[in-house]
Protein backbone atom coordinates (compact mmCIF):
# COMPACT_ATOMS: atom_id res chain seq x y z
CA UNK A 1 168.78 217.46 131.11
CA UNK A 2 167.76 213.85 130.59
CA UNK A 3 168.24 210.82 132.79
CA UNK A 4 171.83 209.64 133.42
CA UNK A 5 172.40 206.64 131.06
CA UNK A 6 174.02 204.24 133.57
CA UNK A 7 173.31 201.26 135.68
CA UNK A 8 176.08 201.17 138.31
CA UNK A 9 174.69 198.87 140.77
CA UNK A 10 175.26 195.60 138.38
CA UNK A 11 178.88 196.91 138.22
CA UNK A 12 179.39 197.56 141.93
CA UNK A 13 177.80 194.12 142.61
CA UNK A 14 180.06 192.33 139.98
CA UNK A 15 183.44 194.11 141.25
CA UNK A 16 182.10 193.65 145.03
CA UNK A 17 184.36 196.58 146.06
CA UNK A 18 183.68 200.29 145.50
CA UNK A 19 186.57 202.49 145.98
CA UNK A 20 185.95 205.99 147.79
CA UNK A 21 188.41 208.52 146.89
CA UNK A 22 189.01 211.50 149.18
CA UNK A 23 192.04 213.01 147.28
CA UNK A 24 194.15 216.12 147.93
CA UNK A 25 193.11 217.64 144.70
CA UNK A 26 191.51 216.92 141.12
CA UNK A 27 194.81 215.65 139.57
CA UNK A 28 195.34 213.12 142.54
CA UNK A 29 191.64 212.00 141.82
CA UNK A 30 192.12 211.55 138.23
CA UNK A 31 195.35 209.59 138.35
CA UNK A 32 194.01 207.30 141.23
CA UNK A 33 190.72 206.68 139.09
CA UNK A 34 192.88 205.83 136.18
CA UNK A 35 194.85 203.31 138.20
CA UNK A 36 191.76 201.65 139.45
CA UNK A 37 190.27 201.51 136.04
CA UNK A 38 193.17 200.07 134.63
CA UNK A 39 193.33 197.39 137.36
CA UNK A 40 190.02 196.06 136.54
CA UNK A 41 187.44 198.46 138.51
CA UNK A 42 184.75 200.01 136.71
CA UNK A 43 182.84 201.83 139.24
CA UNK A 44 184.38 204.61 141.39
CA UNK A 45 183.28 206.97 143.95
CA UNK A 46 184.81 210.33 144.08
CA UNK A 47 183.84 212.72 146.72
CA UNK A 48 182.78 216.31 147.14
CA UNK A 49 185.39 216.81 149.87
CA UNK A 50 188.03 216.66 147.20
CA UNK A 51 189.15 220.46 145.84
CA UNK A 52 187.99 220.67 142.23
CA UNK A 53 185.91 217.52 142.56
CA UNK A 54 183.56 218.41 139.87
CA UNK A 55 186.37 219.05 137.34
CA UNK A 56 187.77 215.64 138.45
CA UNK A 57 184.48 214.00 137.46
CA UNK A 58 184.24 215.45 134.06
CA UNK A 59 187.82 214.35 133.37
CA UNK A 60 187.38 210.89 134.38
CA UNK A 61 183.80 210.21 133.25
CA UNK A 62 184.90 209.48 129.65
CA UNK A 63 187.93 207.29 130.74
CA UNK A 64 187.43 203.51 129.55
CA UNK A 65 188.00 200.67 131.96
CA UNK A 66 190.29 197.44 131.39
CA UNK A 67 187.89 196.13 128.99
CA UNK A 68 186.98 199.20 127.03
CA UNK A 69 183.79 200.10 128.78
CA UNK A 70 182.96 203.72 129.75
CA UNK A 71 183.75 204.28 133.50
CA UNK A 72 180.87 204.54 135.86
CA UNK A 73 182.02 207.65 138.07
CA UNK A 74 179.87 208.39 141.06
CA UNK A 75 180.12 211.28 143.52
CA UNK A 76 179.77 210.59 147.35
CA UNK A 77 179.14 213.09 150.35
CA UNK A 78 176.32 214.37 148.18
CA UNK A 79 173.75 215.97 150.65
CA UNK A 80 172.51 219.03 149.20
CA UNK A 81 170.58 219.76 146.04
CA UNK A 82 173.38 222.02 144.72
CA UNK A 83 176.03 219.37 145.01
CA UNK A 84 173.67 216.93 143.34
CA UNK A 85 172.99 219.31 140.40
CA UNK A 86 176.75 219.86 140.35
CA UNK A 87 177.85 216.41 140.10
CA UNK A 88 175.22 215.31 137.47
CA UNK A 89 176.18 218.30 135.32
CA UNK A 90 179.86 217.23 135.66
CA UNK A 91 178.90 213.76 134.34
CA UNK A 92 178.43 211.71 137.28
CA UNK A 93 176.77 208.37 136.71
CA UNK A 94 175.44 208.01 140.27
CA UNK A 95 175.29 209.81 143.57
CA UNK A 96 176.08 208.64 147.24
CA UNK A 97 175.25 209.99 150.50
CA UNK A 98 176.45 208.93 153.99
CA UNK A 99 173.10 209.53 155.56
CA UNK A 100 169.51 210.41 154.50
CA UNK A 101 169.63 213.39 152.28
CA UNK A 102 166.17 214.53 150.96
CA UNK A 103 167.45 217.34 148.89
CA UNK A 104 170.05 215.24 146.91
CA UNK A 105 167.19 212.58 146.66
CA UNK A 106 164.70 214.67 145.10
CA UNK A 107 167.44 216.15 142.55
CA UNK A 108 168.46 212.42 141.70
CA UNK A 109 164.72 211.38 141.26
CA UNK A 110 164.00 214.35 138.99
CA UNK A 111 166.99 213.80 136.72
CA UNK A 112 166.71 209.85 136.85
CA UNK A 113 170.19 209.28 138.45
CA UNK A 114 170.72 206.31 140.72
CA UNK A 115 171.21 207.36 144.31
CA UNK A 116 172.88 205.37 146.98
CA UNK A 117 171.31 206.85 149.97
CA UNK A 118 173.10 206.14 153.30
CA UNK A 119 171.81 204.93 156.72
CA UNK A 120 172.64 203.17 159.75
CA UNK A 121 169.64 202.51 161.62
CA UNK A 122 167.43 199.57 160.25
CA UNK A 123 164.70 202.16 159.63
CA UNK A 124 167.09 204.40 157.59
CA UNK A 125 168.44 201.36 155.63
CA UNK A 126 165.24 200.00 154.86
CA UNK A 127 163.81 203.48 153.78
CA UNK A 128 166.82 203.86 151.25
CA UNK A 129 166.05 200.02 150.07
CA UNK A 130 162.39 200.77 149.46
CA UNK A 131 163.14 203.85 147.39
CA UNK A 132 165.99 202.45 145.23
CA UNK A 133 166.55 198.75 146.02
CA UNK A 134 170.04 199.61 147.58
CA UNK A 135 171.67 201.51 150.66
CA UNK A 136 174.97 202.44 151.78
CA UNK A 137 175.39 201.16 155.45
CA UNK A 138 177.45 203.90 157.26
CA UNK A 139 179.52 203.91 159.37
CA UNK A 140 179.80 200.38 158.97
CA UNK A 141 182.64 199.47 161.18
CA UNK A 142 180.34 200.35 164.31
CA UNK A 143 178.09 197.42 163.69
CA UNK A 144 180.53 194.95 162.06
CA UNK A 145 179.64 192.14 159.69
CA UNK A 146 177.14 190.90 162.20
CA UNK A 147 175.11 193.92 161.84
CA UNK A 148 175.05 193.22 158.00
CA UNK A 149 174.03 189.79 158.63
CA UNK A 150 170.92 191.06 160.74
CA UNK A 151 169.83 193.50 158.13
CA UNK A 152 169.94 191.08 155.42
CA UNK A 153 167.80 188.76 157.35
CA UNK A 154 165.01 191.28 157.29
CA UNK A 155 165.89 192.96 153.95
CA UNK A 156 166.52 189.87 151.41
CA UNK A 157 167.25 190.83 147.96
CA UNK A 158 168.45 194.49 148.99
CA UNK A 159 171.79 195.58 147.83
CA UNK A 160 173.66 196.61 150.91
CA UNK A 161 177.06 198.36 150.60
CA UNK A 162 178.96 198.91 153.93
CA UNK A 163 181.48 201.56 154.10
CA UNK A 164 183.57 203.24 156.71
CA UNK A 165 186.69 201.78 158.46
CA UNK A 166 186.76 198.67 156.63
CA UNK A 167 190.15 197.31 155.29
CA UNK A 168 190.60 195.46 151.97
CA UNK A 169 191.79 192.36 154.04
CA UNK A 170 188.42 192.43 155.74
CA UNK A 171 186.32 192.57 152.62
CA UNK A 172 185.53 188.87 152.53
CA UNK A 173 184.23 188.64 155.68
CA UNK A 174 181.65 191.34 155.03
CA UNK A 175 180.64 189.82 151.82
CA UNK A 176 180.13 186.47 153.48
CA UNK A 177 177.98 188.27 156.10
CA UNK A 178 175.63 189.38 153.05
CA UNK A 179 177.06 192.62 151.83
CA UNK A 180 176.52 192.99 147.97
CA UNK A 181 179.78 195.07 147.91
CA UNK A 182 182.06 196.98 150.26
CA UNK A 183 183.14 200.50 150.20
CA UNK A 184 186.86 201.27 150.73
CA UNK A 185 188.29 204.59 151.78
CA UNK A 186 191.91 203.60 152.34
CA UNK A 187 194.63 200.90 152.46
CA UNK A 188 194.06 199.90 148.97
CA UNK A 189 197.31 198.59 147.25
CA UNK A 190 199.31 201.06 145.47
CA UNK A 191 201.29 198.77 143.25
CA UNK A 192 199.22 198.06 140.04
CA UNK A 193 199.83 194.26 139.96
CA UNK A 194 198.57 193.83 143.54
CA UNK A 195 195.72 196.29 142.69
CA UNK A 196 194.82 194.15 139.68
CA UNK A 197 195.09 190.96 141.64
CA UNK A 198 192.57 192.24 144.42
CA UNK A 199 190.00 193.29 141.98
CA UNK A 200 190.34 189.73 140.07
CA UNK A 201 190.25 187.83 143.36
CA UNK A 202 187.10 189.57 144.45
CA UNK A 203 185.24 189.38 140.83
CA UNK A 204 186.18 185.67 140.36
CA UNK A 205 183.71 182.98 141.33
CA UNK A 206 183.95 181.31 144.76
CA UNK A 207 185.18 177.88 144.70
CA UNK A 208 186.82 175.65 147.15
CA UNK A 209 190.44 175.24 147.01
CA UNK A 210 192.17 172.06 146.99
CA UNK A 211 193.00 170.81 150.54
CA UNK A 212 190.13 172.69 152.23
CA UNK A 213 191.85 176.18 152.01
CA UNK A 214 190.03 179.34 151.45
CA UNK A 215 187.70 179.62 148.48
CA UNK A 216 189.55 180.50 145.24
CA UNK A 217 192.98 180.38 147.03
CA UNK A 218 195.80 177.69 147.13
CA UNK A 219 196.29 176.17 150.47
CA UNK A 220 198.89 178.16 152.56
CA UNK A 221 198.95 181.17 150.01
CA UNK A 222 197.59 184.77 150.49
CA UNK A 223 197.08 187.93 148.26
CA UNK A 224 199.99 190.51 149.20
CA UNK A 225 197.49 192.84 150.99
CA UNK A 226 196.68 189.96 153.51
CA UNK A 227 200.18 188.39 153.90
CA UNK A 228 201.45 188.88 157.50
CA UNK A 229 204.66 190.54 155.99
CA UNK A 230 202.69 192.34 153.20
CA UNK A 231 202.32 196.18 152.56
CA UNK A 232 199.28 196.65 154.85
CA UNK A 233 200.78 194.77 157.73
CA UNK A 234 204.11 196.61 157.44
CA UNK A 235 202.14 199.93 157.89
CA UNK A 236 200.25 198.83 160.65
CA UNK A 237 203.20 197.67 162.90
CA UNK A 238 205.15 200.75 161.99
CA UNK A 239 208.02 198.99 159.96
CA UNK A 240 207.35 201.17 156.96
CA UNK A 241 205.28 204.30 156.11
CA UNK A 242 202.51 204.05 153.55
CA UNK A 243 203.14 204.99 149.84
CA UNK A 244 202.31 208.67 149.35
CA UNK A 245 199.24 208.83 147.14
CA UNK A 246 197.43 212.02 146.62
CA UNK A 247 194.01 210.15 145.66
CA UNK A 248 194.17 208.12 148.77
CA UNK A 249 191.03 208.19 150.86
CA UNK A 250 191.01 208.98 154.50
CA UNK A 251 190.60 205.69 156.54
CA UNK A 252 187.18 205.27 158.21
CA UNK A 253 185.98 208.75 156.67
CA UNK A 254 184.32 207.51 153.52
CA UNK A 255 181.09 209.19 152.56
């Protein structure tokens, strides 16, 4: 089979947030992917931990995004040759691993598929960057944004995508530290309007708000997912349980 005809890194860098889905079943993964694409997302990462994940990839690979472009469906937690072959056969555009995965790397190279290989130590991240120009930094929450800032200093121009234990309201701090985009496995808004607003804000050009407020935002305002009384805060302090979502990822367990 020939090379996979897609360039996911450009799309991931443009949307600046890569959803990582660990769903209860294939149907849940398909529904959640459809909602993300409709909200302005184009690149989505499904994972091999979802039962029936290959079928979910095949069903979502042809779905257009909000602008009518073909979706860029990746598969994460790919660490074996068998999973890599199965993912690409199902129509995956790119592969992702949580740590160095030589078997999957060989399949990706042979079939011309982009491989976002994971690493945590500077050596692992640098090796991944040398191979493909990009690296997934996992588990990112252990080092925090300061770790990304340090990596950026010695890897200028690299595409660094931290993933693991990052909440949607923390994305801008990671971007400011030098992340190209941020992998999010849980806590994304379930309301379609809030989800669309999140992607629109992250993709919008940075600009100073009148009165010295945060970039791209009016003074004193905040999107729903960051407000003190917003949905994420309500879940965090126990005032309200999260809305059930079969496609929701396990927080902190992205791979």
